[in-house]
Structures are given as structure tokens and as C-alpha cells.
C-alpha atoms as a PDB file:
ATOM      1  CA  MET A   1       5.294  21.348   4.824  1.00  0.00           C
ATOM      2  CA  ASN A   2       3.987  24.010   2.967  1.00  0.00           C
ATOM      3  CA  PRO A   3       0.281  25.299   2.155  1.00  0.00           C
ATOM      4  CA  THR A   4       0.901  23.926  -1.546  1.00  0.00           C
ATOM      5  CA  LEU A   5       2.672  20.488  -0.912  1.00  0.00           C
ATOM      6  CA  HIS A   6      -0.302  20.179   1.779  1.00  0.00           C
ATOM      7  CA  PHE A   7      -3.091  21.908  -1.490  1.00  0.00           C
ATOM      8  CA  GLN A   8      -1.411  19.364  -3.268  1.00  0.00           C
ATOM      9  CA  LYS A   9      -1.787  15.973  -1.263  1.00  0.00           C
ATOM     10  CA  ALA A  10      -4.881  16.508  -0.318  1.00  0.00           C
ATOM     11  CA  GLN A  11      -6.158  16.595  -3.804  1.00  0.00           C
ATOM     12  CA  ARG A  12      -4.784  13.581  -4.650  1.00  0.00           C
ATOM     13  CA  ILE A  13      -6.216  12.256  -1.935  1.00  0.00           C
ATOM     14  CA  GLU A  14      -9.578  12.490  -3.172  1.00  0.00           C
ATOM     15  CA  ARG A  15      -8.987  11.974  -6.624  1.00  0.00           C
ATOM     16  CA  SER A  16      -8.747   8.535  -4.966  1.00  0.00           C
ATOM     17  CA  LEU A  17     -11.359   8.911  -2.725  1.00  0.00           C
ATOM     18  CA  ALA A  18     -13.840   9.648  -5.598  1.00  0.00           C
ATOM     19  CA  LYS A  19     -13.384   6.429  -6.971  1.00  0.00           C
ATOM     20  CA  LEU A  20     -14.295   4.173  -4.340  1.00  0.00           C
ATOM     21  CA  PRO A  21     -17.434   3.011  -3.832  1.00  0.00           C
ATOM     22  CA  ALA A  22     -19.598   3.119  -0.836  1.00  0.00           C
ATOM     23  CA  HIS A  23     -19.397   0.277   0.352  1.00  0.00           C
ATOM     24  CA  LEU A  24     -15.293   0.462   0.952  1.00  0.00           C
ATOM     25  CA  VAL A  25     -16.533   2.467   4.427  1.00  0.00           C
ATOM     26  CA  GLU A  26     -13.019   1.784   5.844  1.00  0.00           C
ATOM     27  CA  ILE A  27     -10.788   3.492   3.882  1.00  0.00           C
ATOM     28  CA  ARG A  28     -12.873   5.987   2.525  1.00  0.00           C
ATOM     29  CA  ILE A  29     -13.379   7.220   6.720  1.00  0.00           C
ATOM     30  CA  GLU A  30      -9.622   7.534   6.145  1.00  0.00           C
ATOM     31  CA  ALA A  31      -9.040   9.424   3.547  1.00  0.00           C
ATOM     32  CA  ALA A  32     -11.121  11.600   4.215  1.00  0.00           C
ATOM     33  CA  MET A  33      -9.961  12.624   7.744  1.00  0.00           C
ATOM     34  CA  LEU A  34      -6.040  12.222   5.836  1.00  0.00           C
ATOM     35  CA  ALA A  35      -7.011  14.811   2.983  1.00  0.00           C
ATOM     36  CA  ALA A  36      -9.524  17.149   5.695  1.00  0.00           C
ATOM     37  CA  THR A  37      -6.345  17.307   7.681  1.00  0.00           C
ATOM     38  CA  HIS A  38      -3.434  18.330   4.636  1.00  0.00           C
ATOM     39  CA  TRP A  39      -6.809  21.240   3.913  1.00  0.00           C
ATOM     40  CA  LEU A  40      -6.951  21.744   8.503  1.00  0.00           C
ATOM     41  CA  ASN A  41      -2.408  22.207   7.728  1.00  0.00           C
ATOM     42  CA  ALA A  42      -2.139  24.408   4.484  1.00  0.00           C
ATOM     43  CA  SER A  43      -4.799  26.925   7.342  1.00  0.00           C
ATOM     44  CA  LEU A  44      -3.946  26.907   9.843  1.00  0.00           C
ATOM     45  CA  HIS A  45       0.431  27.373   8.033  1.00  0.00           C
ATOM     46  CA  ALA A  46      -1.690  30.717   6.247  1.00  0.00           C
ATOM     47  CA  LEU A  47      -3.076  32.177   8.779  1.00  0.00           C
ATOM     48  CA  HIS A  48       0.015  31.682  10.721  1.00  0.00           C
ATOM     49  CA  ALA A  49      -0.985  30.134  13.564  1.00  0.00           C
ATOM     50  CA  THR A  50       1.330  27.119  13.309  1.00  0.00           C
ATOM     51  CA  GLY A  51       4.914  27.183  11.169  1.00  0.00           C
ATOM     52  CA  GLU A  52       5.623  24.618   8.282  1.00  0.00           C
ATOM     53  CA  SER A  53       7.671  22.788  10.049  1.00  0.00           C
ATOM     54  CA  THR A  54       5.140  21.696  12.827  1.00  0.00           C
ATOM     55  CA  ASP A  55       1.813  19.856  11.551  1.00  0.00           C
ATOM     56  CA  VAL A  56      -1.194  18.743  12.972  1.00  0.00           C
ATOM     57  CA  LEU A  57      -1.371  14.914  12.885  1.00  0.00           C
ATOM     58  CA  HIS A  58      -4.782  14.386  14.727  1.00  0.00           C
ATOM     59  CA  THR A  59      -6.826  17.384  16.585  1.00  0.00           C
ATOM     60  CA  TYR A  60      -7.010  14.424  19.700  1.00  0.00           C
ATOM     61  CA  MET A  61      -3.329  14.750  19.862  1.00  0.00           C
ATOM     62  CA  LEU A  62      -3.173  17.920  20.580  1.00  0.00           C
ATOM     63  CA  THR A  63      -3.437  19.257  24.183  1.00  0.00           C
ATOM     64  CA  VAL A  64      -6.610  21.121  25.737  1.00  0.00           C
ATOM     65  CA  ASN A  65      -4.587  24.551  25.719  1.00  0.00           C
ATOM     66  CA  GLU A  66      -3.218  23.652  21.912  1.00  0.00           C
ATOM     67  CA  PHE A  67      -6.183  22.160  20.344  1.00  0.00           C
ATOM     68  CA  ARG A  68      -7.892  25.848  21.687  1.00  0.00           C
ATOM     69  CA  ARG A  69      -5.444  27.926  20.517  1.00  0.00           C
ATOM     70  CA  LEU A  70      -5.435  26.260  17.209  1.00  0.00           C
ATOM     71  CA  SER A  71      -9.067  27.140  16.417  1.00  0.00           C
ATOM     72  CA  ALA A  72      -8.211  30.690  18.072  1.00  0.00           C
ATOM     73  CA  ALA A  73      -7.203  30.430  14.347  1.00  0.00           C
ATOM     74  CA  HIS A  74     -10.161  28.894  12.652  1.00  0.00           C
ATOM     75  CA  HIS A  75     -12.857  27.368  15.699  1.00  0.00           C
ATOM     76  CA  GLU A  76     -15.443  25.798  12.308  1.00  0.00           C
ATOM     77  CA  LEU A  77     -12.121  24.238  10.389  1.00  0.00           C
ATOM     78  CA  MET A  78     -10.874  22.026  13.786  1.00  0.00           C
ATOM     79  CA  GLU A  79     -14.486  21.452  14.935  1.00  0.00           C
ATOM     80  CA  MET A  80     -15.233  19.277  11.813  1.00  0.00           C
ATOM     81  CA  VAL A  81     -11.773  18.325  10.704  1.00  0.00           C
ATOM     82  CA  ALA A  82     -12.208  16.515  14.863  1.00  0.00           C
ATOM     83  CA  GLU A  83     -15.809  15.525  13.623  1.00  0.00           C
ATOM     84  CA  ILE A  84     -13.946  13.509  10.850  1.00  0.00           C
ATOM     85  CA  GLU A  85     -11.491  11.924  13.101  1.00  0.00           C
ATOM     86  CA  ASP A  86     -14.551  11.137  15.883  1.00  0.00           C
ATOM     87  CA  LEU A  87     -16.205   9.342  12.855  1.00  0.00           C
ATOM     88  CA  ARG A  88     -13.240   6.935  12.662  1.00  0.00           C
ATOM     89  CA  PRO A  89     -12.408   4.484  16.241  1.00  0.00           C
ATOM     90  CA  VAL A  90     -16.283   2.637  15.592  1.00  0.00           C
ATOM     91  CA  ASN A  91     -16.678   2.968  12.000  1.00  0.00           C
ATOM     92  CA  VAL A  92     -13.067   1.251  10.816  1.00  0.00           C
ATOM     93  CA  ARG A  93     -13.272  -0.992  12.781  1.00  0.00           C
ATOM     94  CA  GLY A  94     -15.768  -3.768  11.611  1.00  0.00           C
ATOM     95  CA  ASP A  95     -18.968  -3.281  10.740  1.00  0.00           C
ATOM     96  CA  THR A  96     -21.158  -0.929  12.466  1.00  0.00           C
ATOM     97  CA  PRO A  97     -24.201  -0.219  11.531  1.00  0.00           C
ATOM     98  CA  GLY A  98     -24.274   3.213   9.522  1.00  0.00           C
ATOM     99  CA  ALA A  99     -21.019   2.794   8.530  1.00  0.00           C
ATOM    100  CA  GLU A 100     -22.024   4.041   5.014  1.00  0.00           C
ATOM    101  CA  ALA A 101     -24.484   6.818   6.426  1.00  0.00           C
ATOM    102  CA  ALA A 102     -20.791   7.776   8.445  1.00  0.00           C
ATOM    103  CA  ALA A 103     -18.504   7.531   5.247  1.00  0.00           C
ATOM    104  CA  GLU A 104     -20.427  10.333   3.782  1.00  0.00           C
ATOM    105  CA  ARG A 105     -21.027  12.130   6.563  1.00  0.00           C
ATOM    106  CA  ALA A 106     -17.064  11.760   6.439  1.00  0.00           C
ATOM    107  CA  CYS A 107     -17.278  12.790   2.973  1.00  0.00           C
ATOM    108  CA  GLU A 108     -19.517  15.652   3.315  1.00  0.00           C
ATOM    109  CA  LEU A 109     -17.278  17.914   6.117  1.00  0.00           C
ATOM    110  CA  LEU A 110     -14.383  16.928   3.765  1.00  0.00           C
ATOM    111  CA  ALA A 111     -16.399  19.469   1.194  1.00  0.00           C
ATOM    112  CA  ARG A 112     -16.820  21.764   3.388  1.00  0.00           C
ATOM    113  CA  VAL A 113     -13.498  21.454   4.845  1.00  0.00           C
ATOM    114  CA  ARG A 114     -11.526  22.289   1.317  1.00  0.00           C
ATOM    115  CA  VAL A 115     -14.020  24.796   0.559  1.00  0.00           C
ATOM    116  CA  MET A 116     -13.370  26.492   3.945  1.00  0.00           C
ATOM    117  CA  ALA A 117      -9.109  26.429   3.743  1.00  0.00           C
ATOM    118  CA  GLN A 118      -8.928  27.297  -0.400  1.00  0.00           C
ATOM    119  CA  ALA A 119     -10.883  29.877   1.188  1.00  0.00           C
ATOM    120  CA  ILE A 120      -8.323  31.151   3.562  1.00  0.00           C
ATOM    121  CA  CYS A 121      -5.344  30.645   1.541  1.00  0.00           C
ATOM    122  CA  ALA A 122      -6.985  32.602  -1.184  1.00  0.00           C
ATOM    123  CA  GLN A 123      -7.758  35.716   1.330  1.00  0.00           C
ATOM    124  CA  VAL A 124      -4.584  35.425   3.031  1.00  0.00           C
ATOM    125  CA  HIS A 125      -2.646  35.101  -0.548  1.00  0.00           C
ATOM    126  CA  SER A 126      -4.475  38.307  -1.904  1.00  0.00           C
ATOM    127  CA  GLY A 127      -4.458  40.067   1.280  1.00  0.00           C
END
């Protein structure tokens, strides 16, 4: 998938996410993870760290060496997406204390991922 399609999917997911009430923790975390992954893939494609036929589905599914290789392209983006993914198992599988705060954290990270991804792609296209 090319960066433009990743952007469109991420933006569509974020529009839906913005409509969700705070108590829908599971869906908010899932949506933040999905959108962040699209922003990450757009950035990795723009940086030529991955080809358009290769998308990161989940950072935790990458081998250690592949995670390190992609982190060399943009360490902060990889770490933020990984942090969102780390919020999923505990907070998406039940009524966990602090789940709303976890969803807020996922959304905060998503916002930072979006800003970075947009800057990366804009810089690549202008340079």
C-alpha cells in the first residue's frame, strides 16, 4: 500500500475514533493502534525503509533484527506504536482498572505519531 492510501485509512479511522465516548476503551485503543500503524507504514514507505508491498502489521510480530532495522529509520515512531500495542492486551480484554487512562494515553501517542508521520512525508516530498 502506498503512503497516500495509508494516510487516507489513518484519517478515516481517526475521524471514527473522535466520535467515540471515553468509556469505549477497547475500541478506542484498537482504533488508535490501527491508525498509528497506518501512519507508521506511510512513514516507513516514505523513508524507503520498507517497500509499498511490505507493511508492518504489529511491531511485536517483527523479529528483533527487523524491529531494530526499522527503528534505525525512525526510532521514536516505532517506540510509540509499540507502546500503543503494549496497552492492548491488558486493557482490551476486560474491565481493567485504569483502562480509560490507557485509552487516553493511546490517543495521545496516536496524535504524536500522526504529527511525526505527516512531517516525515512532507519533508520527503519537498526534498
